[in-house]
PDB file of N, CA and C in Angstrom:
ATOM      1  N   UNK A   1     -23.924  16.483  11.968  1.00  0.00           N
ATOM      2  CA  UNK A   1     -22.841  16.906  11.149  1.00  0.00           C
ATOM      3  C   UNK A   1     -21.735  17.485  12.035  1.00  0.00           C
ATOM      4  N   UNK A   2     -20.494  17.118  11.753  1.00  0.00           N
ATOM      5  CA  UNK A   2     -19.339  17.730  12.405  1.00  0.00           C
ATOM      6  C   UNK A   2     -18.496  18.502  11.441  1.00  0.00           C
ATOM      7  N   UNK A   3     -18.001  19.596  11.913  1.00  0.00           N
ATOM      8  CA  UNK A   3     -17.145  20.474  11.078  1.00  0.00           C
ATOM      9  C   UNK A   3     -15.829  20.650  11.675  1.00  0.00           C
ATOM     10  N   UNK A   4     -14.825  20.622  10.880  1.00  0.00           N
ATOM     11  CA  UNK A   4     -13.420  20.773  11.381  1.00  0.00           C
ATOM     12  C   UNK A   4     -12.897  22.149  10.827  1.00  0.00           C
ATOM     13  N   UNK A   5     -12.458  22.927  11.662  1.00  0.00           N
ATOM     14  CA  UNK A   5     -11.973  24.314  11.291  1.00  0.00           C
ATOM     15  C   UNK A   5     -10.510  24.405  11.312  1.00  0.00           C
ATOM     16  N   UNK A   6      -9.987  25.159  10.406  1.00  0.00           N
ATOM     17  CA  UNK A   6      -8.513  25.402  10.362  1.00  0.00           C
ATOM     18  C   UNK A   6      -8.245  26.783  10.931  1.00  0.00           C
ATOM     19  N   UNK A   7      -6.948  27.126  11.095  1.00  0.00           N
ATOM     20  CA  UNK A   7      -6.576  28.367  11.758  1.00  0.00           C
ATOM     21  C   UNK A   7      -7.090  29.561  10.964  1.00  0.00           C
ATOM     22  N   UNK A   8      -7.048  29.489   9.675  1.00  0.00           N
ATOM     23  CA  UNK A   8      -7.406  30.615   8.793  1.00  0.00           C
ATOM     24  C   UNK A   8      -8.834  30.939   9.038  1.00  0.00           C
ATOM     25  N   UNK A   9      -9.755  30.052   9.041  1.00  0.00           N
ATOM     26  CA  UNK A   9     -11.199  30.312   9.233  1.00  0.00           C
ATOM     27  C   UNK A   9     -11.371  30.981  10.567  1.00  0.00           C
ATOM     28  N   UNK A  10     -10.927  30.274  11.610  1.00  0.00           N
ATOM     29  CA  UNK A  10     -11.136  30.769  12.986  1.00  0.00           C
ATOM     30  C   UNK A  10     -10.480  32.161  13.195  1.00  0.00           C
ATOM     31  N   UNK A  11      -9.310  32.364  12.733  1.00  0.00           N
ATOM     32  CA  UNK A  11      -8.681  33.715  12.918  1.00  0.00           C
ATOM     33  C   UNK A  11      -9.397  34.788  12.122  1.00  0.00           C
ATOM     34  N   UNK A  12      -9.940  34.418  10.947  1.00  0.00           N
ATOM     35  CA  UNK A  12     -10.602  35.450  10.157  1.00  0.00           C
ATOM     36  C   UNK A  12     -11.872  35.921  10.882  1.00  0.00           C
ATOM     37  N   UNK A  13     -12.734  34.976  11.338  1.00  0.00           N
ATOM     38  CA  UNK A  13     -13.934  35.330  11.969  1.00  0.00           C
ATOM     39  C   UNK A  13     -13.626  35.938  13.324  1.00  0.00           C
ATOM     40  N   UNK A  14     -12.502  35.496  13.968  1.00  0.00           N
ATOM     41  CA  UNK A  14     -12.206  36.143  15.261  1.00  0.00           C
ATOM     42  C   UNK A  14     -11.723  37.595  15.078  1.00  0.00           C
ATOM     43  N   UNK A  15     -11.052  37.909  14.014  1.00  0.00           N
ATOM     44  CA  UNK A  15     -10.559  39.284  13.807  1.00  0.00           C
ATOM     45  C   UNK A  15     -11.801  40.224  13.551  1.00  0.00           C
ATOM     46  N   UNK A  16     -12.858  39.753  12.988  1.00  0.00           N
ATOM     47  CA  UNK A  16     -13.980  40.656  12.812  1.00  0.00           C
ATOM     48  C   UNK A  16     -15.032  40.471  13.987  1.00  0.00           C
ATOM     49  N   UNK A  17     -14.643  39.677  15.020  1.00  0.00           N
ATOM     50  CA  UNK A  17     -15.430  39.438  16.225  1.00  0.00           C
ATOM     51  C   UNK A  17     -16.790  38.931  15.814  1.00  0.00           C
ATOM     52  N   UNK A  18     -16.831  37.924  14.900  1.00  0.00           N
ATOM     53  CA  UNK A  18     -18.158  37.351  14.464  1.00  0.00           C
ATOM     54  C   UNK A  18     -18.106  35.843  14.424  1.00  0.00           C
ATOM     55  N   UNK A  19     -17.523  35.215  15.395  1.00  0.00           N
ATOM     56  CA  UNK A  19     -17.567  33.761  15.422  1.00  0.00           C
ATOM     57  C   UNK A  19     -18.994  33.182  15.450  1.00  0.00           C
ATOM     58  N   UNK A  20     -19.877  34.079  15.904  1.00  0.00           N
ATOM     59  CA  UNK A  20     -21.266  33.742  15.996  1.00  0.00           C
ATOM     60  C   UNK A  20     -21.887  33.372  14.640  1.00  0.00           C
ATOM     61  N   UNK A  21     -21.304  33.992  13.560  1.00  0.00           N
ATOM     62  CA  UNK A  21     -21.807  33.689  12.236  1.00  0.00           C
ATOM     63  C   UNK A  21     -21.617  32.254  11.862  1.00  0.00           C
ATOM     64  N   UNK A  22     -20.585  31.578  12.372  1.00  0.00           N
ATOM     65  CA  UNK A  22     -20.435  30.186  12.062  1.00  0.00           C
ATOM     66  C   UNK A  22     -21.545  29.331  12.665  1.00  0.00           C
ATOM     67  N   UNK A  23     -21.902  29.662  13.873  1.00  0.00           N
ATOM     68  CA  UNK A  23     -22.977  28.987  14.511  1.00  0.00           C
ATOM     69  C   UNK A  23     -24.291  29.255  13.703  1.00  0.00           C
ATOM     70  N   UNK A  24     -24.486  30.457  13.280  1.00  0.00           N
ATOM     71  CA  UNK A  24     -25.731  30.823  12.517  1.00  0.00           C
ATOM     72  C   UNK A  24     -25.734  30.035  11.181  1.00  0.00           C
ATOM     73  N   UNK A  25     -24.576  29.878  10.502  1.00  0.00           N
ATOM     74  CA  UNK A  25     -24.557  29.143   9.249  1.00  0.00           C
ATOM     75  C   UNK A  25     -24.698  27.681   9.449  1.00  0.00           C
ATOM     76  N   UNK A  26     -24.245  27.119  10.553  1.00  0.00           N
ATOM     77  CA  UNK A  26     -24.324  25.686  10.790  1.00  0.00           C
ATOM     78  C   UNK A  26     -24.913  25.448  12.130  1.00  0.00           C
ATOM     79  N   UNK A  27     -26.114  25.707  12.370  1.00  0.00           N
ATOM     80  CA  UNK A  27     -26.763  25.703  13.726  1.00  0.00           C
ATOM     81  C   UNK A  27     -26.765  24.309  14.339  1.00  0.00           C
ATOM     82  N   UNK A  28     -26.800  23.247  13.595  1.00  0.00           N
ATOM     83  CA  UNK A  28     -26.925  21.843  14.121  1.00  0.00           C
ATOM     84  C   UNK A  28     -25.606  21.100  14.026  1.00  0.00           C
ATOM     85  N   UNK A  29     -24.510  21.794  13.710  1.00  0.00           N
ATOM     86  CA  UNK A  29     -23.198  21.157  13.554  1.00  0.00           C
ATOM     87  C   UNK A  29     -22.421  21.147  14.889  1.00  0.00           C
ATOM     88  N   UNK A  30     -21.591  20.114  15.026  1.00  0.00           N
ATOM     89  CA  UNK A  30     -20.684  20.063  16.090  1.00  0.00           C
ATOM     90  C   UNK A  30     -19.366  20.569  15.551  1.00  0.00           C
ATOM     91  N   UNK A  31     -18.753  21.526  16.278  1.00  0.00           N
ATOM     92  CA  UNK A  31     -17.522  22.127  15.845  1.00  0.00           C
ATOM     93  C   UNK A  31     -16.346  21.370  16.415  1.00  0.00           C
ATOM     94  N   UNK A  32     -15.314  21.230  15.624  1.00  0.00           N
ATOM     95  CA  UNK A  32     -14.073  20.493  16.133  1.00  0.00           C
ATOM     96  C   UNK A  32     -12.923  21.268  15.695  1.00  0.00           C
ATOM     97  N   UNK A  33     -12.074  21.534  16.714  1.00  0.00           N
ATOM     98  CA  UNK A  33     -10.811  22.331  16.443  1.00  0.00           C
ATOM     99  C   UNK A  33      -9.605  21.324  16.740  1.00  0.00           C
ATOM    100  N   UNK A  34      -8.894  20.892  15.733  1.00  0.00           N
ATOM    101  CA  UNK A  34      -7.777  19.989  15.968  1.00  0.00           C
ATOM    102  C   UNK A  34      -6.771  20.582  16.895  1.00  0.00           C
ATOM    103  N   UNK A  35      -6.033  19.760  17.642  1.00  0.00           N
ATOM    104  CA  UNK A  35      -5.012  20.287  18.557  1.00  0.00           C
ATOM    105  C   UNK A  35      -4.036  21.185  17.857  1.00  0.00           C
ATOM    106  N   UNK A  36      -3.555  20.941  16.626  1.00  0.00           N
ATOM    107  CA  UNK A  36      -2.608  21.768  15.972  1.00  0.00           C
ATOM    108  C   UNK A  36      -3.157  23.124  15.670  1.00  0.00           C
ATOM    109  N   UNK A  37      -4.460  23.275  15.431  1.00  0.00           N
ATOM    110  CA  UNK A  37      -5.063  24.573  15.242  1.00  0.00           C
ATOM    111  C   UNK A  37      -5.164  25.338  16.529  1.00  0.00           C
ATOM    112  N   UNK A  38      -5.545  24.557  17.576  1.00  0.00           N
ATOM    113  CA  UNK A  38      -5.675  25.161  18.956  1.00  0.00           C
ATOM    114  C   UNK A  38      -4.306  25.739  19.346  1.00  0.00           C
ATOM    115  N   UNK A  39      -3.216  24.975  19.061  1.00  0.00           N
ATOM    116  CA  UNK A  39      -1.842  25.431  19.421  1.00  0.00           C
ATOM    117  C   UNK A  39      -1.465  26.629  18.631  1.00  0.00           C
ATOM    118  N   UNK A  40      -1.814  26.711  17.377  1.00  0.00           N
ATOM    119  CA  UNK A  40      -1.572  27.838  16.579  1.00  0.00           C
ATOM    120  C   UNK A  40      -2.236  29.109  17.139  1.00  0.00           C
ATOM    121  N   UNK A  41      -3.463  28.981  17.531  1.00  0.00           N
ATOM    122  CA  UNK A  41      -4.217  30.103  18.057  1.00  0.00           C
ATOM    123  C   UNK A  41      -3.739  30.478  19.449  1.00  0.00           C
ATOM    124  N   UNK A  42      -3.236  29.466  20.243  1.00  0.00           N
ATOM    125  CA  UNK A  42      -2.718  29.744  21.529  1.00  0.00           C
ATOM    126  C   UNK A  42      -1.397  30.581  21.405  1.00  0.00           C
ATOM    127  N   UNK A  43      -0.618  30.227  20.390  1.00  0.00           N
ATOM    128  CA  UNK A  43       0.666  30.905  20.125  1.00  0.00           C
ATOM    129  C   UNK A  43       0.368  32.419  19.815  1.00  0.00           C
ATOM    130  N   UNK A  44      -0.703  32.614  18.999  1.00  0.00           N
ATOM    131  CA  UNK A  44      -1.072  33.939  18.663  1.00  0.00           C
ATOM    132  C   UNK A  44      -1.472  34.731  19.862  1.00  0.00           C
ATOM    133  N   UNK A  45      -2.215  34.131  20.816  1.00  0.00           N
ATOM    134  CA  UNK A  45      -2.609  34.751  22.046  1.00  0.00           C
ATOM    135  C   UNK A  45      -1.441  35.087  22.828  1.00  0.00           C
ATOM    136  N   UNK A  46      -0.459  34.213  22.966  1.00  0.00           N
ATOM    137  CA  UNK A  46       0.734  34.504  23.706  1.00  0.00           C
ATOM    138  C   UNK A  46       1.500  35.707  23.145  1.00  0.00           C
ATOM    139  N   UNK A  47       1.403  35.950  21.873  1.00  0.00           N
ATOM    140  CA  UNK A  47       2.125  37.022  21.140  1.00  0.00           C
ATOM    141  C   UNK A  47       1.330  38.338  21.255  1.00  0.00           C
ATOM    142  N   UNK A  48       0.136  38.271  21.932  1.00  0.00           N
ATOM    143  CA  UNK A  48      -0.610  39.465  22.174  1.00  0.00           C
ATOM    144  C   UNK A  48      -1.801  39.776  21.313  1.00  0.00           C
ATOM    145  N   UNK A  49      -2.057  38.864  20.394  1.00  0.00           N
ATOM    146  CA  UNK A  49      -3.255  39.061  19.485  1.00  0.00           C
ATOM    147  C   UNK A  49      -4.491  38.764  20.223  1.00  0.00           C
ATOM    148  N   UNK A  50      -5.336  39.790  20.250  1.00  0.00           N
ATOM    149  CA  UNK A  50      -6.632  39.595  21.014  1.00  0.00           C
ATOM    150  C   UNK A  50      -7.797  38.952  20.259  1.00  0.00           C
ATOM    151  N   UNK A  51      -7.623  38.811  18.943  1.00  0.00           N
ATOM    152  CA  UNK A  51      -8.712  38.229  18.136  1.00  0.00           C
ATOM    153  C   UNK A  51      -8.991  36.784  18.565  1.00  0.00           C
ATOM    154  N   UNK A  52      -7.991  36.184  19.242  1.00  0.00           N
ATOM    155  CA  UNK A  52      -8.185  34.793  19.631  1.00  0.00           C
ATOM    156  C   UNK A  52      -9.134  34.695  20.797  1.00  0.00           C
ATOM    157  N   UNK A  53      -9.261  35.697  21.609  1.00  0.00           N
ATOM    158  CA  UNK A  53     -10.267  35.631  22.688  1.00  0.00           C
ATOM    159  C   UNK A  53     -11.615  35.270  22.235  1.00  0.00           C
TER     160      UNK A  53
END
């Protein structure tokens, strides 16, 4: 199974520092981040938001 994540999902889990929960919920899934979502998160990092790390 492959999962595609949007910016809202990744930023929400990133803000609470629990991206590991996604792996726990979907242990056998392949995660996919579209380039547009990656770019959004990269822009947030450039603006100083640390949740992206």
